[in-house]
């Protein structure tokens, strides 16, 4: 039986919609804990409004922010599935188009040279898709991540050298948080890539966004570094929306990759407090279940 590409296309649009209207329990838990810990009254009120916005958006099935941003899809294909990759790519694109037009979402996609918009939220390069593979299974897992301009504009990269060591890495991450201030719509999720090549390094910050908020890196040393930087960024006092307070970042996520012996690239990007993501596991016959993380348990 051929894989049901039409059903897959519809689901891709649904993931886009769910990502901006249904929020992960890990995000809500992080915001609630920040609210309970916050000592600054203005910051506490900002966090209360964020939590209320999420509740209202879920009840009314409307986005919490008018900036729908740019969409990135992560498609992890099971090695036992028989699918046409080009058809999957087209289905992702058309699913985003259908959802964006059907819901009358704000169209943010522009030509980089003329700055003109054609009224569509798709192009031959958008949404961007990252592909990966899952060995020995007959299903795929797909995640949609939406990131707005406020947070995406606050992205930083440095081609450090090994002589700068971990001190240089930490300094660059903290300096990036200070430079960003409240512009990423803090409290943000601080996403860091260390190592790899120039392009791979930046990509790792997007991969960080697929992780449940606050879930530590499986490497104990990296998890320790995440916690250290988390505490340092929150000590800056930038606070929610840059208004001051104890809560500037909800979590620090770090991904690493092997690197050339003469290089030490570092990228830092911030996801806004809404941390929008939605995912599903799809089987060869078209059945699917929603998941919150890759390899996680299904729900609903």
Protein backbone atom coordinates (compact mmCIF):
# COMPACT_ATOMS: atom_id res chain seq x y z
CA UNK A 1 0.00 0.00 0.00
CA UNK A 2 1.35 3.41 -0.96
CA UNK A 3 2.04 5.83 1.85
CA UNK A 4 -0.93 8.30 2.16
CA UNK A 5 0.81 11.54 1.18
CA UNK A 6 -2.44 13.56 1.22
CA UNK A 7 -3.10 12.58 4.82
CA UNK A 8 0.52 13.39 5.66
CA UNK A 9 0.13 16.85 4.08
CA UNK A 10 -2.92 17.57 6.20
CA UNK A 11 -1.04 16.49 9.33
CA UNK A 12 1.87 18.80 8.50
CA UNK A 13 -0.53 21.76 8.47
CA UNK A 14 -2.05 20.53 11.72
CA UNK A 15 1.39 20.41 13.36
CA UNK A 16 1.96 24.03 12.33
CA UNK A 17 -1.37 24.98 13.92
CA UNK A 18 -0.80 22.91 17.08
CA UNK A 19 2.65 24.37 17.53
CA UNK A 20 1.28 27.88 17.97
CA UNK A 21 -1.91 27.02 19.90
CA UNK A 22 -1.14 23.95 22.07
CA UNK A 23 1.82 24.28 24.40
CA UNK A 24 4.07 21.52 25.78
CA UNK A 25 3.69 20.61 29.47
CA UNK A 26 7.43 21.09 29.98
CA UNK A 27 7.17 24.73 28.86
CA UNK A 28 4.19 25.45 31.10
CA UNK A 29 5.95 23.75 34.00
CA UNK A 30 9.09 25.90 33.47
CA UNK A 31 7.03 29.10 33.36
CA UNK A 32 5.06 28.10 36.47
CA UNK A 33 8.24 27.33 38.41
CA UNK A 34 9.74 30.65 37.31
CA UNK A 35 6.58 32.42 38.46
CA UNK A 36 6.79 30.79 41.89
CA UNK A 37 10.48 31.67 42.29
CA UNK A 38 10.33 35.22 40.94
CA UNK A 39 10.88 37.94 43.58
CA UNK A 40 10.48 40.99 41.36
CA UNK A 41 6.79 42.01 41.35
CA UNK A 42 6.86 43.47 37.83
CA UNK A 43 8.56 40.32 36.51
CA UNK A 44 6.08 38.14 38.38
CA UNK A 45 3.19 39.97 36.73
CA UNK A 46 4.81 39.52 33.29
CA UNK A 47 5.10 35.78 33.88
CA UNK A 48 1.48 35.65 35.05
CA UNK A 49 0.38 37.32 31.82
CA UNK A 50 2.40 34.81 29.76
CA UNK A 51 0.75 31.89 31.54
CA UNK A 52 -2.67 33.47 31.12
CA UNK A 53 -1.97 34.05 27.41
CA UNK A 54 -1.13 30.36 26.96
CA UNK A 55 -4.30 29.33 28.77
CA UNK A 56 -6.43 31.72 26.72
CA UNK A 57 -4.79 30.73 23.43
CA UNK A 58 -5.38 27.03 24.08
CA UNK A 59 -9.00 27.59 25.08
CA UNK A 60 -9.76 29.81 22.08
CA UNK A 61 -7.46 27.92 19.68
CA UNK A 62 -5.64 31.09 18.63
CA UNK A 63 -1.91 31.92 18.60
CA UNK A 64 -0.46 33.78 21.58
CA UNK A 65 1.62 35.97 19.26
CA UNK A 66 0.87 37.65 15.94
CA UNK A 67 4.39 36.89 14.66
CA UNK A 68 4.16 33.35 13.33
CA UNK A 69 7.83 33.56 12.42
CA UNK A 70 9.58 31.04 10.19
CA UNK A 71 8.89 27.32 10.31
CA UNK A 72 11.47 24.56 10.55
CA UNK A 73 10.51 20.90 10.19
CA UNK A 74 12.60 18.03 11.48
CA UNK A 75 11.77 14.76 9.68
CA UNK A 76 13.25 11.58 11.15
CA UNK A 77 12.55 8.68 8.78
CA UNK A 78 12.40 5.07 9.88
CA UNK A 79 14.73 2.90 7.80
CA UNK A 80 11.97 0.32 7.19
CA UNK A 81 9.56 2.84 5.65
CA UNK A 82 9.07 2.95 1.89
CA UNK A 83 8.40 6.60 1.04
CA UNK A 84 9.25 9.11 -1.66
CA UNK A 85 11.32 11.87 -0.07
CA UNK A 86 10.43 14.42 -2.74
CA UNK A 87 6.71 13.81 -2.11
CA UNK A 88 7.24 14.22 1.63
CA UNK A 89 9.03 17.51 1.05
CA UNK A 90 6.19 18.81 -1.12
CA UNK A 91 3.61 17.64 1.42
CA UNK A 92 5.34 19.56 4.22
CA UNK A 93 5.40 22.70 2.05
CA UNK A 94 1.78 22.43 0.98
CA UNK A 95 0.65 21.59 4.50
CA UNK A 96 2.14 24.86 5.75
CA UNK A 97 0.54 26.73 2.83
CA UNK A 98 -2.89 25.22 3.53
CA UNK A 99 -2.72 25.99 7.24
CA UNK A 100 -1.41 29.52 6.79
CA UNK A 101 -4.05 30.40 4.19
CA UNK A 102 -6.90 28.56 5.90
CA UNK A 103 -6.25 30.15 9.29
CA UNK A 104 -5.37 33.53 7.78
CA UNK A 105 -2.14 33.70 9.70
CA UNK A 106 0.21 36.62 9.18
CA UNK A 107 2.49 35.95 6.19
CA UNK A 108 6.05 36.78 7.20
CA UNK A 109 7.99 35.32 4.24
CA UNK A 110 9.72 37.97 2.10
CA UNK A 111 12.17 38.13 -0.79
CA UNK A 112 15.62 38.82 0.75
CA UNK A 113 16.60 41.29 -1.99
CA UNK A 114 13.41 43.17 -2.87
CA UNK A 115 11.75 42.61 0.57
CA UNK A 116 8.49 42.03 -1.30
CA UNK A 117 5.95 39.42 -0.18
CA UNK A 118 3.76 37.33 -2.48
CA UNK A 119 1.16 36.56 0.18
CA UNK A 120 2.31 32.97 0.72
CA UNK A 121 4.12 31.46 3.70
CA UNK A 122 6.03 29.03 1.48
CA UNK A 123 8.78 29.09 -1.14
CA UNK A 124 11.10 26.54 -2.73
CA UNK A 125 13.32 26.90 0.37
CA UNK A 126 10.71 27.40 3.09
CA UNK A 127 9.78 25.78 5.35
CA UNK A 128 13.27 24.47 5.86
CA UNK A 129 13.49 20.72 6.51
CA UNK A 130 16.20 18.86 8.39
CA UNK A 131 16.31 15.15 7.60
CA UNK A 132 17.55 12.32 9.78
CA UNK A 133 17.01 8.56 10.03
CA UNK A 134 15.82 6.11 12.70
CA UNK A 135 17.24 2.59 12.28
CA UNK A 136 15.03 -0.51 12.13
CA UNK A 137 11.57 1.04 12.55
CA UNK A 138 8.59 1.39 10.21
CA UNK A 139 7.50 4.87 11.29
CA UNK A 140 8.75 8.43 11.07
CA UNK A 141 8.74 11.27 13.59
CA UNK A 142 8.18 14.87 12.51
CA UNK A 143 8.50 18.05 14.56
CA UNK A 144 7.51 21.58 13.60
CA UNK A 145 9.29 24.49 15.30
CA UNK A 146 8.16 28.09 14.76
CA UNK A 147 10.54 30.91 15.62
CA UNK A 148 9.68 34.59 15.39
CA UNK A 149 11.83 37.53 14.38
CA UNK A 150 12.34 38.90 17.88
CA UNK A 151 14.21 35.80 18.96
CA UNK A 152 15.78 34.85 15.62
CA UNK A 153 17.34 38.31 15.21
CA UNK A 154 19.15 37.73 18.49
CA UNK A 155 21.47 35.02 17.17
CA UNK A 156 25.24 35.09 17.51
CA UNK A 157 28.19 33.09 16.21
CA UNK A 158 31.93 33.28 16.86
CA UNK A 159 34.75 31.27 15.34
CA UNK A 160 36.78 30.95 18.51
CA UNK A 161 40.16 29.23 18.67
CA UNK A 162 41.16 26.43 21.06
CA UNK A 163 43.48 28.77 23.00
CA UNK A 164 40.40 30.60 24.29
CA UNK A 165 39.28 27.38 25.96
CA UNK A 166 36.02 26.91 27.84
CA UNK A 167 36.50 30.30 29.47
CA UNK A 168 36.15 31.89 26.02
CA UNK A 169 33.09 29.76 25.25
CA UNK A 170 31.34 30.74 28.49
CA UNK A 171 32.25 34.39 28.04
CA UNK A 172 30.80 34.46 24.52
CA UNK A 173 27.53 32.84 25.63
CA UNK A 174 27.06 35.27 28.53
CA UNK A 175 28.03 38.26 26.36
CA UNK A 176 25.46 37.11 23.79
CA UNK A 177 22.74 37.00 26.45
CA UNK A 178 23.69 40.50 27.60
CA UNK A 179 23.67 41.81 24.02
CA UNK A 180 20.27 40.24 23.36
CA UNK A 181 18.77 41.65 26.56
CA UNK A 182 14.99 41.32 26.58
CA UNK A 183 14.67 41.41 22.79
CA UNK A 184 14.16 37.63 22.34
CA UNK A 185 10.97 38.00 24.42
CA UNK A 186 12.55 36.70 27.60
CA UNK A 187 12.47 34.46 29.49
CA UNK A 188 13.94 32.60 26.57
CA UNK A 189 15.38 29.15 26.02
CA UNK A 190 19.11 29.66 25.48
CA UNK A 191 20.28 27.37 22.67
CA UNK A 192 24.00 26.77 22.18
CA UNK A 193 26.03 24.89 19.59
CA UNK A 194 29.68 24.11 20.33
CA UNK A 195 32.02 22.60 17.73
CA UNK A 196 31.38 21.25 14.25
CA UNK A 197 31.81 23.25 11.06
CA UNK A 198 30.53 26.82 10.55
CA UNK A 199 27.13 25.75 9.19
CA UNK A 200 26.75 22.68 11.40
CA UNK A 201 27.46 24.85 14.43
CA UNK A 202 24.50 27.15 13.79
CA UNK A 203 22.24 24.20 12.98
CA UNK A 204 22.79 22.78 16.46
CA UNK A 205 21.01 25.75 18.03
CA UNK A 206 17.85 24.76 16.11
CA UNK A 207 18.25 21.13 17.21
CA UNK A 208 18.35 22.42 20.80
CA UNK A 209 14.82 23.75 20.32
CA UNK A 210 13.43 20.26 19.75
CA UNK A 211 14.35 19.25 23.31
CA UNK A 212 11.78 19.55 26.14
CA UNK A 213 12.43 22.77 28.05
CA UNK A 214 14.94 22.07 30.81
CA UNK A 215 15.74 18.49 29.79
CA UNK A 216 19.50 18.19 30.41
CA UNK A 217 22.07 17.05 27.91
CA UNK A 218 22.71 13.30 28.41
CA UNK A 219 26.43 14.03 28.79
CA UNK A 220 26.96 14.82 32.52
CA UNK A 221 29.69 17.38 31.74
CA UNK A 222 27.46 19.19 29.27
CA UNK A 223 24.54 19.06 31.70
CA UNK A 224 26.78 20.65 34.35
CA UNK A 225 27.79 23.39 31.90
CA UNK A 226 24.12 24.00 31.01
CA UNK A 227 23.28 24.52 34.68
CA UNK A 228 26.25 26.81 35.24
CA UNK A 229 25.32 29.06 32.33
CA UNK A 230 21.63 28.96 33.31
CA UNK A 231 22.52 30.40 36.70
CA UNK A 232 24.86 33.00 35.20
CA UNK A 233 22.29 34.30 32.69
CA UNK A 234 19.57 34.53 35.33
CA UNK A 235 22.01 36.46 37.54
CA UNK A 236 22.14 39.24 34.91
CA UNK A 237 18.78 40.59 36.12
CA UNK A 238 17.49 41.21 32.57
CA UNK A 239 14.23 39.51 33.49
CA UNK A 240 10.99 38.89 31.58
CA UNK A 241 10.74 41.12 28.49
CA UNK A 242 13.84 42.97 29.73
CA UNK A 243 11.91 44.55 32.62
CA UNK A 244 14.22 43.21 35.33
CA UNK A 245 13.89 40.18 37.56
CA UNK A 246 15.26 36.75 38.43
CA UNK A 247 14.05 34.96 35.29
CA UNK A 248 15.92 35.72 32.05
CA UNK A 249 16.20 32.18 30.70
CA UNK A 250 13.95 29.17 31.28
CA UNK A 251 16.70 26.72 30.36
CA UNK A 252 20.05 26.36 28.63
CA UNK A 253 20.32 23.62 26.01
CA UNK A 254 23.73 22.75 24.56
CA UNK A 255 24.55 20.50 21.61
CA UNK A 256 28.10 19.59 20.57
CA UNK A 257 29.86 18.12 17.54
CA UNK A 258 33.37 16.99 16.67
CA UNK A 259 35.54 19.89 15.54
CA UNK A 260 38.79 20.56 13.70
CA UNK A 261 41.75 20.71 16.08
CA UNK A 262 42.42 24.38 15.21
CA UNK A 263 38.82 25.62 15.60
CA UNK A 264 36.28 26.18 18.34
CA UNK A 265 33.08 27.68 16.85
CA UNK A 266 30.20 28.65 19.14
CA UNK A 267 26.65 29.69 18.20
CA UNK A 268 24.01 31.10 20.51
CA UNK A 269 20.36 31.57 19.64
CA UNK A 270 17.35 32.26 21.81
CA UNK A 271 13.85 30.84 21.53
CA UNK A 272 11.13 33.12 22.92
CA UNK A 273 9.14 32.25 26.04
CA UNK A 274 6.40 30.62 23.93
CA UNK A 275 8.91 27.98 22.69
CA UNK A 276 6.52 26.73 20.00
CA UNK A 277 6.87 23.13 18.85
CA UNK A 278 4.61 20.23 17.89
CA UNK A 279 5.43 16.68 16.84
CA UNK A 280 3.90 13.41 15.70
CA UNK A 281 4.88 9.81 15.03
CA UNK A 282 3.48 8.61 11.68
CA UNK A 283 3.21 4.97 10.62
CA UNK A 284 3.37 3.48 7.12
CA UNK A 285 -0.42 3.13 6.90
CA UNK A 286 -0.99 6.79 7.82
CA UNK A 287 -1.87 6.24 11.47
CA UNK A 288 -0.27 8.79 13.77
CA UNK A 289 0.04 9.83 17.40
CA UNK A 290 1.17 13.12 18.85
CA UNK A 291 4.43 13.23 20.81
CA UNK A 292 6.25 16.02 22.66
CA UNK A 293 9.78 14.90 21.88
CA UNK A 294 11.63 12.62 19.50
CA UNK A 295 11.48 9.07 20.81
CA UNK A 296 8.96 10.09 23.48
CA UNK A 297 5.68 8.54 24.52
CA UNK A 298 2.57 9.29 22.48
CA UNK A 299 -0.47 11.03 23.90
CA UNK A 300 -4.09 11.68 22.89
